[in-house]
C-alpha atoms as a PDB file:
ATOM      1  CA  MET A   1     148.826 179.646  46.357  1.00  0.00           C
ATOM      2  CA  GLU A   2     148.168 180.084  42.455  1.00  0.00           C
ATOM      3  CA  LEU A   3     146.963 177.692  40.115  1.00  0.00           C
ATOM      4  CA  ASN A   4     149.211 177.924  37.189  1.00  0.00           C
ATOM      5  CA  PRO A   5     147.892 176.804  34.055  1.00  0.00           C
ATOM      6  CA  THR A   6     150.887 175.553  32.274  1.00  0.00           C
ATOM      7  CA  PHE A   7     151.011 172.320  35.253  1.00  0.00           C
ATOM      8  CA  LEU A   8     147.297 171.733  34.657  1.00  0.00           C
ATOM      9  CA  ILE A   9     147.495 171.409  30.869  1.00  0.00           C
ATOM     10  CA  ASN A  10     150.851 169.417  31.377  1.00  0.00           C
ATOM     11  CA  SER A  11     149.022 167.074  34.196  1.00  0.00           C
ATOM     12  CA  LEU A  12     146.043 166.318  31.363  1.00  0.00           C
ATOM     13  CA  LEU A  13     148.307 165.246  28.550  1.00  0.00           C
ATOM     14  CA  TYR A  14     150.792 163.188  30.270  1.00  0.00           C
ATOM     15  CA  SER A  15     146.722 161.525  31.477  1.00  0.00           C
ATOM     16  CA  PHE A  16     145.944 161.597  28.252  1.00  0.00           C
ATOM     17  CA  LEU A  17     149.063 159.823  27.238  1.00  0.00           C
ATOM     18  CA  GLY A  18     149.568 157.851  29.997  1.00  0.00           C
ATOM     19  CA  VAL A  19     146.126 156.238  29.780  1.00  0.00           C
ATOM     20  CA  ALA A  20     146.702 156.169  25.947  1.00  0.00           C
ATOM     21  CA  MET A  21     150.230 153.654  26.368  1.00  0.00           C
ATOM     22  CA  PHE A  22     148.629 151.804  28.694  1.00  0.00           C
ATOM     23  CA  TRP A  23     145.974 150.874  26.030  1.00  0.00           C
ATOM     24  CA  LEU A  24     148.168 150.108  22.995  1.00  0.00           C
ATOM     25  CA  ALA A  25     150.145 147.651  25.200  1.00  0.00           C
ATOM     26  CA  PHE A  26     146.747 145.752  26.260  1.00  0.00           C
ATOM     27  CA  VAL A  27     145.537 145.671  22.496  1.00  0.00           C
ATOM     28  CA  LEU A  28     149.115 144.300  22.225  1.00  0.00           C
ATOM     29  CA  ILE A  29     149.082 142.072  24.301  1.00  0.00           C
ATOM     30  CA  ASP A  30     145.721 140.719  23.096  1.00  0.00           C
ATOM     31  CA  LYS A  31     146.874 140.453  20.123  1.00  0.00           C
ATOM     32  CA  LEU A  32     149.378 138.567  20.720  1.00  0.00           C
ATOM     33  CA  THR A  33     147.674 135.431  22.727  1.00  0.00           C
ATOM     34  CA  PRO A  34     146.602 132.883  21.096  1.00  0.00           C
ATOM     35  CA  TYR A  35     142.781 133.964  22.484  1.00  0.00           C
ATOM     36  CA  ASN A  36     140.766 136.769  22.774  1.00  0.00           C
ATOM     37  CA  LEU A  37     141.735 137.560  26.659  1.00  0.00           C
ATOM     38  CA  TRP A  38     138.263 139.226  27.097  1.00  0.00           C
ATOM     39  CA  LYS A  39     135.471 136.817  25.494  1.00  0.00           C
ATOM     40  CA  GLU A  40     138.016 134.413  28.093  1.00  0.00           C
ATOM     41  CA  ILE A  41     137.084 136.526  30.661  1.00  0.00           C
ATOM     42  CA  ILE A  42     133.761 137.576  30.746  1.00  0.00           C
ATOM     43  CA  GLU A  43     131.610 134.914  28.205  1.00  0.00           C
ATOM     44  CA  GLU A  44     134.319 131.596  30.025  1.00  0.00           C
ATOM     45  CA  LYS A  45     134.234 133.327  33.551  1.00  0.00           C
ATOM     46  CA  ASN A  46     137.945 132.351  33.381  1.00  0.00           C
ATOM     47  CA  ILE A  47     139.000 133.145  36.634  1.00  0.00           C
ATOM     48  CA  ALA A  48     142.808 132.274  36.545  1.00  0.00           C
ATOM     49  CA  LEU A  49     143.094 134.144  33.374  1.00  0.00           C
ATOM     50  CA  ALA A  50     141.947 137.582  34.781  1.00  0.00           C
ATOM     51  CA  ILE A  51     144.142 137.741  37.346  1.00  0.00           C
ATOM     52  CA  VAL A  52     146.671 137.486  35.375  1.00  0.00           C
ATOM     53  CA  VAL A  53     145.777 140.275  33.153  1.00  0.00           C
ATOM     54  CA  GLY A  54     144.438 142.310  36.052  1.00  0.00           C
ATOM     55  CA  ALA A  55     148.300 141.869  37.115  1.00  0.00           C
ATOM     56  CA  MET A  56     150.209 142.782  33.759  1.00  0.00           C
ATOM     57  CA  CYS A  57     147.936 145.497  33.501  1.00  0.00           C
ATOM     58  CA  LEU A  58     148.975 146.743  36.580  1.00  0.00           C
ATOM     59  CA  GLY A  59     152.211 146.321  35.389  1.00  0.00           C
ATOM     60  CA  ILE A  60     151.880 148.199  32.482  1.00  0.00           C
ATOM     61  CA  ALA A  61     150.317 151.162  34.506  1.00  0.00           C
ATOM     62  CA  LEU A  62     153.093 151.045  36.844  1.00  0.00           C
ATOM     63  CA  ILE A  63     155.975 151.526  33.941  1.00  0.00           C
ATOM     64  CA  VAL A  64     153.884 153.585  31.982  1.00  0.00           C
ATOM     65  CA  ALA A  65     153.856 155.696  35.023  1.00  0.00           C
ATOM     66  CA  SER A  66     157.138 155.679  36.078  1.00  0.00           C
ATOM     67  CA  ALA A  67     158.125 156.502  32.443  1.00  0.00           C
ATOM     68  CA  ILE A  68     155.964 159.472  32.475  1.00  0.00           C
ATOM     69  CA  HIS A  69     157.229 160.889  36.122  1.00  0.00           C
END
């Protein structure tokens, strides 16, 4: 079985596109909330918010993966 370079390039392109879309969605949600998510999670040790943000990240990742697939 040969490795087709076109498949490799497409996989890398879609991977970078998915990561970029995920990052943009996270930044948008961070801007829409009334407080800084990163500061609340890291400095204030808000575990409940960290769980909610983790669930949100999984949801966005599933949407992006389904859209690209």
